[in-house]
Structure formats: C-alpha cells, structure tokens
Protein backbone atom coordinates (compact mmCIF):
# COMPACT_ATOMS: atom_id res chain seq x y z
CA MET A 1 11.51 1.37 12.54
CA PRO A 2 8.72 2.12 10.05
CA LYS A 3 6.41 -0.70 9.05
CA SER A 4 7.10 -2.04 5.55
CA ILE A 5 4.47 -2.52 2.85
CA LEU A 6 4.57 -4.40 -0.45
CA ILE A 7 2.32 -2.83 -3.12
CA VAL A 8 1.11 -5.06 -5.95
CA ASP A 9 -0.99 -3.55 -8.73
CA ASP A 10 -0.67 -3.79 -12.50
CA SER A 11 -0.94 0.01 -12.82
CA GLU A 12 2.32 1.84 -12.27
CA ILE A 13 0.33 5.03 -11.69
CA VAL A 14 -1.79 3.44 -8.95
CA ARG A 15 1.33 2.01 -7.29
CA GLY A 16 2.96 5.46 -7.36
CA ILE A 17 -0.06 7.16 -5.80
CA ILE A 18 -0.32 4.53 -3.05
CA ARG A 19 3.44 4.68 -2.40
CA ALA A 20 3.47 8.47 -2.11
CA PHE A 21 0.43 8.57 0.15
CA LEU A 22 1.75 5.88 2.51
CA GLN A 23 5.24 7.35 2.65
CA ILE A 24 3.81 10.75 3.59
CA ARG A 25 2.09 8.97 6.48
CA GLY A 26 5.44 7.48 7.58
CA TYR A 27 5.25 3.94 6.23
CA THR A 28 8.04 2.33 4.23
CA VAL A 29 7.20 0.81 0.86
CA CYS A 30 9.72 -2.01 0.68
CA GLY A 31 8.78 -3.11 -2.83
CA GLU A 32 6.30 -3.10 -5.66
CA GLY A 33 5.01 -5.65 -8.15
CA ALA A 34 2.80 -5.66 -11.23
CA ASP A 35 1.26 -9.13 -10.85
CA GLY A 36 0.87 -12.08 -8.52
CA PHE A 37 4.13 -13.73 -9.56
CA GLU A 38 6.06 -10.59 -8.61
CA ALA A 39 4.09 -10.38 -5.35
CA ILE A 40 5.16 -13.87 -4.34
CA GLU A 41 8.81 -13.41 -5.29
CA LYS A 42 9.11 -10.02 -3.59
CA ALA A 43 7.24 -11.17 -0.47
CA LYS A 44 9.69 -14.07 -0.05
CA LEU A 45 12.64 -11.73 -0.38
CA LEU A 46 11.39 -8.62 1.46
CA LYS A 47 9.19 -10.09 4.22
CA PRO A 48 6.85 -7.07 4.41
CA ASP A 49 4.65 -6.23 7.40
CA LEU A 50 1.62 -5.83 5.09
CA ILE A 51 0.74 -6.63 1.46
CA LEU A 52 -1.57 -4.46 -0.66
CA LEU A 53 -2.85 -6.58 -3.51
CA ASP A 54 -4.97 -5.75 -6.55
CA LEU A 55 -7.55 -8.30 -7.68
CA GLN A 56 -7.39 -8.07 -11.45
CA MET A 57 -3.81 -8.39 -12.75
CA PRO A 58 -2.13 -10.15 -15.67
CA ARG A 59 -0.42 -13.56 -15.42
CA LEU A 60 -1.43 -14.30 -11.80
CA ASN A 61 -4.29 -12.32 -10.27
CA GLY A 62 -4.94 -11.44 -6.65
CA THR A 63 -7.27 -14.42 -6.14
CA GLU A 64 -4.52 -16.80 -7.20
CA ALA A 65 -1.68 -15.03 -5.40
CA ALA A 66 -3.35 -14.42 -2.01
CA PRO A 67 -3.43 -18.06 -0.81
CA VAL A 68 0.23 -18.55 -1.77
CA LEU A 69 1.21 -15.33 0.02
CA LYS A 70 -0.75 -16.35 3.13
CA ARG A 71 0.97 -19.75 3.21
CA LEU A 72 4.38 -18.09 2.88
CA LEU A 73 3.74 -15.34 5.43
CA PRO A 74 0.72 -16.33 7.53
CA GLN A 75 1.14 -13.48 10.01
CA VAL A 76 1.24 -10.78 7.32
CA PRO A 77 -2.10 -9.08 6.65
CA ILE A 78 -3.24 -8.85 3.03
CA ILE A 79 -5.48 -6.02 1.90
CA LEU A 80 -7.22 -6.47 -1.43
CA PHE A 81 -7.51 -2.98 -2.94
CA THR A 82 -9.81 -3.39 -5.93
CA MET A 83 -12.33 -1.80 -8.25
CA PHE A 84 -14.43 -4.95 -7.89
CA SER A 85 -15.03 -5.02 -4.13
CA GLU A 86 -18.78 -5.59 -4.57
CA ALA A 87 -17.97 -8.97 -6.18
CA VAL A 88 -15.86 -10.07 -3.18
CA THR A 89 -17.68 -11.54 -0.19
CA ALA A 90 -16.09 -11.66 3.25
CA SER A 91 -16.19 -15.46 3.33
CA TRP A 92 -14.54 -15.70 -0.09
CA ALA A 93 -11.86 -13.20 0.92
CA SER A 94 -11.12 -15.12 4.10
CA ALA A 95 -11.00 -18.42 2.21
CA VAL A 96 -8.28 -17.15 -0.12
CA GLY A 97 -6.24 -15.49 2.64
CA VAL A 98 -7.33 -11.88 2.28
CA ASP A 99 -7.75 -10.08 5.60
CA LEU A 100 -9.57 -7.01 4.32
CA VAL A 101 -11.15 -5.78 1.08
CA VAL A 102 -11.06 -2.05 0.30
CA SER A 103 -12.77 -0.50 -2.70
CA LYS A 104 -10.62 1.75 -4.90
CA PRO A 105 -13.59 4.10 -5.47
CA ASP A 106 -13.72 4.66 -1.68
CA GLY A 107 -10.34 6.36 -2.00
CA ILE A 108 -6.76 6.23 -0.89
CA GLY A 109 -7.59 7.88 2.44
CA LYS A 110 -9.80 4.97 3.44
CA LEU A 111 -7.06 2.55 2.39
CA ALA A 112 -4.52 4.41 4.54
CA ASP A 113 -6.92 4.35 7.51
CA HIS A 114 -7.20 0.56 7.20
CA VAL A 115 -3.42 0.21 6.91
CA GLU A 116 -3.08 2.17 10.14
CA LYS A 117 -5.66 -0.05 11.87
CA LEU A 118 -3.74 -3.17 10.85
CA LEU A 119 -0.17 -1.93 11.41
CA GLY A 120 -0.66 0.79 13.97
CA PRO A 121 0.44 4.37 13.48
CA ALA A 122 3.67 4.81 11.56
CA THR A 123 6.66 6.57 12.95
CA ILE A 124 6.99 9.63 10.79
CA ALA A 125 10.43 9.34 9.23
CA VAL A 126 10.31 12.45 7.07
CA GLU A 127 10.44 15.79 8.82
CA PRO A 128 8.52 18.67 7.28
CA ALA A 129 10.67 21.26 5.55
CA ALA A 130 11.73 24.03 7.86
CA VAL A 131 9.98 27.31 7.24
CA SER A 132 12.32 30.23 7.13
CA SER A 133 11.28 33.35 9.01
CA THR A 134 13.55 35.55 6.90
CA PRO A 135 13.08 36.05 3.18
CA SER A 136 15.80 34.55 1.02
CA GLU A 137 15.70 37.43 -1.47
CA LYS A 138 14.93 41.09 -1.03
CA THR A 139 11.59 42.04 -2.42
CA PRO A 140 11.75 45.15 -4.59
CA THR A 141 9.64 47.97 -3.32
CA ALA A 142 7.35 50.03 -5.53
CA GLN A 143 8.48 53.63 -5.95
C-alpha cells in the first residue's frame, strides 16, 4: 500500500505541484490543507504517514501547528517546506516537532528525495501508458 502524505500550504498552486510530483513517484496524497488548523483536523482524521508543512500560513502557521501535530501523531515525520529555511535552526525545528527543514528554493526534487529517505521508496501505483507499436491512423503519403 502506498505511503500517505498530508500536504499543508496556503498556496493551492504549491499544493498542486507537490501533489502531482509525489503521486508520479508513487506516493498517495491523502489530504491537503491551507493552514495549521486544517493540518490538525485532517491529520486527526486521515492519520498520514508523513506531513509536509509550510511555515508561513494564515490563521495558524507551521510553528504553531507542528507541536500539536507531533503530540497527536508522534511517530509521523513532519517536513517543514519553506521559503524561510535560513531562519530555522535545527534545534528550533526539533523543539517544535519538525523532523526536517527543506528550502523551497532548493526545489521539489530535493523535497521528494527527503520524503523517500523518511518513508522509503513508494510502490508505483500508476503504470505508464502503453506505447502502441502500430499507428492508430494511416499517415497520408506525399504523391
């Protein structure tokens, strides 16, 4: 069974990019949220294998949500995926329950590599489209 991931970021576009990239790699995105309140509610309900959390979000930010998430699901790793990674020290991250900080400018590929290190390789659930060896339409020939 594919590992499930909860994505929490206030940008719908960022969530969509992360979701697509992780699903291509065989992971299941079990839910998404736009702020820390949604992260907590969805984590309680969905019990993901990993939580991707943005730092700067409205209502309840990643700093405020991470300790609550860690108390609820202590075995679930939390990755803080943020534009502000240089402002986050390892000791601070650990103190609030974040297992790993990944910089958004470092790219989605680096994030996916860290997800794989924490969860292990995903079982690819989507098979590539079959490539037909015969053309579906006749190609007109030049005369």
